[in-house]
């Protein structure tokens, strides 16, 4: 189920990227056709190249700001997850890995599932661990 959702999300993202790319190329052709009568073919090519450079610079600035925000948020979460002994809580570390790298987490989950299916003793030990009640003091 998780793998299917991940693949569907990747396919959707690829389709969106392809559609945006086609739209950008069409917009650049329109800009070229619009400015060609005024500045000639070479000038129109230069205008399109400048517009492409401007678009690339805007995307780079947005990506850099997002990366800086993600880095700051990660540092704040890491500082908050440190326990009293100066060690990170294992559950918070695992949750941060799952949030930061969902594809890696899905792959690890599939690998653990395959290993568990090939080793029935592991499954029975985990089930026994959850089913056995703790002794009350």
C-alpha atoms as a PDB file:
ATOM      1  CA  UNK A   1       0.000   0.000   0.000  1.00  0.00           C
ATOM      2  CA  UNK A   2       2.759   2.450   0.945  1.00  0.00           C
ATOM      3  CA  UNK A   3       4.797   1.520  -2.113  1.00  0.00           C
ATOM      4  CA  UNK A   4       1.766   1.995  -4.382  1.00  0.00           C
ATOM      5  CA  UNK A   5       1.076   5.444  -2.910  1.00  0.00           C
ATOM      6  CA  UNK A   6       4.733   6.409  -3.261  1.00  0.00           C
ATOM      7  CA  UNK A   7       4.810   5.306  -6.899  1.00  0.00           C
ATOM      8  CA  UNK A   8       1.536   7.123  -7.590  1.00  0.00           C
ATOM      9  CA  UNK A   9       2.951  10.292  -6.007  1.00  0.00           C
ATOM     10  CA  UNK A  10       6.121  10.003  -8.100  1.00  0.00           C
ATOM     11  CA  UNK A  11       4.096   9.492 -11.289  1.00  0.00           C
ATOM     12  CA  UNK A  12       1.931  12.488 -10.452  1.00  0.00           C
ATOM     13  CA  UNK A  13       4.986  14.634  -9.751  1.00  0.00           C
ATOM     14  CA  UNK A  14       6.555  13.553 -13.058  1.00  0.00           C
ATOM     15  CA  UNK A  15       3.369  14.449 -14.936  1.00  0.00           C
ATOM     16  CA  UNK A  16       3.233  17.878 -13.268  1.00  0.00           C
ATOM     17  CA  UNK A  17       6.892  18.548 -14.064  1.00  0.00           C
ATOM     18  CA  UNK A  18       6.331  17.550 -17.701  1.00  0.00           C
ATOM     19  CA  UNK A  19       3.267  19.799 -18.004  1.00  0.00           C
ATOM     20  CA  UNK A  20       5.061  22.763 -16.438  1.00  0.00           C
ATOM     21  CA  UNK A  21       8.049  22.217 -18.727  1.00  0.00           C
ATOM     22  CA  UNK A  22       5.835  22.228 -21.816  1.00  0.00           C
ATOM     23  CA  UNK A  23       4.079  25.378 -20.590  1.00  0.00           C
ATOM     24  CA  UNK A  24       7.414  27.149 -19.992  1.00  0.00           C
ATOM     25  CA  UNK A  25       8.698  26.234 -23.465  1.00  0.00           C
ATOM     26  CA  UNK A  26       5.445  27.453 -25.021  1.00  0.00           C
ATOM     27  CA  UNK A  27       5.695  30.708 -23.063  1.00  0.00           C
ATOM     28  CA  UNK A  28       9.272  31.228 -24.285  1.00  0.00           C
ATOM     29  CA  UNK A  29       8.152  30.648 -27.884  1.00  0.00           C
ATOM     30  CA  UNK A  30       5.419  33.237 -27.361  1.00  0.00           C
ATOM     31  CA  UNK A  31       7.926  35.738 -25.943  1.00  0.00           C
ATOM     32  CA  UNK A  32      10.218  35.101 -28.916  1.00  0.00           C
ATOM     33  CA  UNK A  33       7.367  35.678 -31.398  1.00  0.00           C
ATOM     34  CA  UNK A  34       6.283  38.807 -29.513  1.00  0.00           C
ATOM     35  CA  UNK A  35       9.655  40.577 -29.443  1.00  0.00           C
ATOM     36  CA  UNK A  36      11.082  39.367 -32.788  1.00  0.00           C
ATOM     37  CA  UNK A  37       9.511  42.131 -34.917  1.00  0.00           C
ATOM     38  CA  UNK A  38      11.073  44.789 -32.674  1.00  0.00           C
ATOM     39  CA  UNK A  39      14.595  43.433 -32.057  1.00  0.00           C
ATOM     40  CA  UNK A  40      15.153  40.780 -34.761  1.00  0.00           C
ATOM     41  CA  UNK A  41      15.843  37.076 -34.387  1.00  0.00           C
ATOM     42  CA  UNK A  42      19.123  37.458 -32.501  1.00  0.00           C
ATOM     43  CA  UNK A  43      17.641  40.014 -30.112  1.00  0.00           C
ATOM     44  CA  UNK A  44      14.569  37.858 -29.522  1.00  0.00           C
ATOM     45  CA  UNK A  45      16.832  34.916 -28.741  1.00  0.00           C
ATOM     46  CA  UNK A  46      18.720  37.080 -26.261  1.00  0.00           C
ATOM     47  CA  UNK A  47      15.465  38.182 -24.615  1.00  0.00           C
ATOM     48  CA  UNK A  48      14.333  34.550 -24.290  1.00  0.00           C
ATOM     49  CA  UNK A  49      17.728  33.563 -22.846  1.00  0.00           C
ATOM     50  CA  UNK A  50      17.504  36.420 -20.344  1.00  0.00           C
ATOM     51  CA  UNK A  51      13.990  35.391 -19.362  1.00  0.00           C
ATOM     52  CA  UNK A  52      15.169  31.805 -18.867  1.00  0.00           C
ATOM     53  CA  UNK A  53      18.083  33.005 -16.714  1.00  0.00           C
ATOM     54  CA  UNK A  54      15.711  35.155 -14.656  1.00  0.00           C
ATOM     55  CA  UNK A  55      13.364  32.192 -14.160  1.00  0.00           C
ATOM     56  CA  UNK A  56      16.290  29.971 -13.105  1.00  0.00           C
ATOM     57  CA  UNK A  57      17.483  32.623 -10.630  1.00  0.00           C
ATOM     58  CA  UNK A  58      14.012  32.925  -9.086  1.00  0.00           C
ATOM     59  CA  UNK A  59      13.742  29.138  -8.712  1.00  0.00           C
ATOM     60  CA  UNK A  60      17.222  29.015  -7.148  1.00  0.00           C
ATOM     61  CA  UNK A  61      16.348  31.723  -4.607  1.00  0.00           C
ATOM     62  CA  UNK A  62      13.109  29.983  -3.639  1.00  0.00           C
ATOM     63  CA  UNK A  63      14.888  26.631  -3.287  1.00  0.00           C
ATOM     64  CA  UNK A  64      17.679  28.172  -1.210  1.00  0.00           C
ATOM     65  CA  UNK A  65      15.194  29.781   1.161  1.00  0.00           C
ATOM     66  CA  UNK A  66      13.283  26.524   1.517  1.00  0.00           C
ATOM     67  CA  UNK A  67      16.490  24.601   2.234  1.00  0.00           C
ATOM     68  CA  UNK A  68      17.511  27.178   4.844  1.00  0.00           C
ATOM     69  CA  UNK A  69      14.086  26.905   6.486  1.00  0.00           C
ATOM     70  CA  UNK A  70      14.269  23.100   6.471  1.00  0.00           C
ATOM     71  CA  UNK A  71      17.762  23.205   7.971  1.00  0.00           C
ATOM     72  CA  UNK A  72      16.676  25.601  10.714  1.00  0.00           C
ATOM     73  CA  UNK A  73      13.563  23.525  11.452  1.00  0.00           C
ATOM     74  CA  UNK A  74      15.678  20.356  11.605  1.00  0.00           C
ATOM     75  CA  UNK A  75      18.119  21.983  14.045  1.00  0.00           C
ATOM     76  CA  UNK A  76      15.248  23.176  16.259  1.00  0.00           C
ATOM     77  CA  UNK A  77      13.668  19.714  16.252  1.00  0.00           C
ATOM     78  CA  UNK A  78      17.008  18.116  17.038  1.00  0.00           C
ATOM     79  CA  UNK A  79      17.588  20.498  19.943  1.00  0.00           C
ATOM     80  CA  UNK A  80      14.068  19.838  21.254  1.00  0.00           C
ATOM     81  CA  UNK A  81      14.476  16.067  21.008  1.00  0.00           C
ATOM     82  CA  UNK A  82      17.592  15.949  23.161  1.00  0.00           C
ATOM     83  CA  UNK A  83      16.779  14.322  26.448  1.00  0.00           C
ATOM     84  CA  UNK A  84      18.029  15.333  29.869  1.00  0.00           C
ATOM     85  CA  UNK A  85      21.092  13.102  29.469  1.00  0.00           C
ATOM     86  CA  UNK A  86      22.131  14.860  26.250  1.00  0.00           C
ATOM     87  CA  UNK A  87      21.057  11.959  24.018  1.00  0.00           C
ATOM     88  CA  UNK A  88      18.373  12.098  21.375  1.00  0.00           C
ATOM     89  CA  UNK A  89      15.197  10.132  22.001  1.00  0.00           C
ATOM     90  CA  UNK A  90      15.195   7.083  19.692  1.00  0.00           C
ATOM     91  CA  UNK A  91      11.534   7.489  18.763  1.00  0.00           C
ATOM     92  CA  UNK A  92      12.068  11.125  17.725  1.00  0.00           C
ATOM     93  CA  UNK A  93      15.145  10.202  15.696  1.00  0.00           C
ATOM     94  CA  UNK A  94      13.207   7.507  13.850  1.00  0.00           C
ATOM     95  CA  UNK A  95      10.259   9.853  13.227  1.00  0.00           C
ATOM     96  CA  UNK A  96      12.613  12.537  11.889  1.00  0.00           C
ATOM     97  CA  UNK A  97      14.194  10.027   9.494  1.00  0.00           C
ATOM     98  CA  UNK A  98      10.740   8.980   8.307  1.00  0.00           C
ATOM     99  CA  UNK A  99       9.744  12.633   7.736  1.00  0.00           C
ATOM    100  CA  UNK A 100      13.000  13.606   6.043  1.00  0.00           C
ATOM    101  CA  UNK A 101      13.431  10.502   3.858  1.00  0.00           C
ATOM    102  CA  UNK A 102      10.089   8.831   3.120  1.00  0.00           C
ATOM    103  CA  UNK A 103      11.371   6.732   0.205  1.00  0.00           C
ATOM    104  CA  UNK A 104      14.239   5.365   2.294  1.00  0.00           C
ATOM    105  CA  UNK A 105      11.789   4.600   5.098  1.00  0.00           C
ATOM    106  CA  UNK A 106       9.430   2.787   2.737  1.00  0.00           C
ATOM    107  CA  UNK A 107      12.309   0.731   1.360  1.00  0.00           C
ATOM    108  CA  UNK A 108      13.477  -0.158   4.865  1.00  0.00           C
ATOM    109  CA  UNK A 109       9.930  -1.166   5.834  1.00  0.00           C
ATOM    110  CA  UNK A 110       9.687  -3.458   2.793  1.00  0.00           C
ATOM    111  CA  UNK A 111      13.094  -4.983   3.609  1.00  0.00           C
ATOM    112  CA  UNK A 112      12.087  -5.634   7.236  1.00  0.00           C
ATOM    113  CA  UNK A 113       8.805  -7.139   6.047  1.00  0.00           C
ATOM    114  CA  UNK A 114      10.575  -9.499   3.644  1.00  0.00           C
ATOM    115  CA  UNK A 115      13.028 -10.497   6.372  1.00  0.00           C
ATOM    116  CA  UNK A 116      10.199 -11.087   8.829  1.00  0.00           C
ATOM    117  CA  UNK A 117       8.323 -13.266   6.345  1.00  0.00           C
ATOM    118  CA  UNK A 118      11.416 -15.406   5.805  1.00  0.00           C
ATOM    119  CA  UNK A 119      12.035 -15.720   9.556  1.00  0.00           C
ATOM    120  CA  UNK A 120       8.864 -16.863  11.339  1.00  0.00           C
ATOM    121  CA  UNK A 121      10.670 -16.976  14.695  1.00  0.00           C
ATOM    122  CA  UNK A 122      11.030 -13.176  14.542  1.00  0.00           C
ATOM    123  CA  UNK A 123       7.310 -12.731  13.963  1.00  0.00           C
ATOM    124  CA  UNK A 124       6.420 -15.018  16.857  1.00  0.00           C
ATOM    125  CA  UNK A 125       8.874 -13.221  19.157  1.00  0.00           C
ATOM    126  CA  UNK A 126       7.387  -9.824  18.297  1.00  0.00           C
ATOM    127  CA  UNK A 127       3.822 -11.062  18.744  1.00  0.00           C
ATOM    128  CA  UNK A 128       4.764 -12.738  22.045  1.00  0.00           C
ATOM    129  CA  UNK A 129       6.363  -9.492  23.198  1.00  0.00           C
ATOM    130  CA  UNK A 130       3.164  -7.549  22.560  1.00  0.00           C
ATOM    131  CA  UNK A 131       0.814 -10.200  23.920  1.00  0.00           C
ATOM    132  CA  UNK A 132       2.633 -11.039  27.157  1.00  0.00           C
ATOM    133  CA  UNK A 133       1.420  -8.847  29.953  1.00  0.00           C
ATOM    134  CA  UNK A 134       3.924  -7.204  32.225  1.00  0.00           C
ATOM    135  CA  UNK A 135       3.910  -8.390  35.772  1.00  0.00           C
ATOM    136  CA  UNK A 136       2.261  -5.933  38.099  1.00  0.00           C
ATOM    137  CA  UNK A 137       4.310  -4.844  41.113  1.00  0.00           C
END
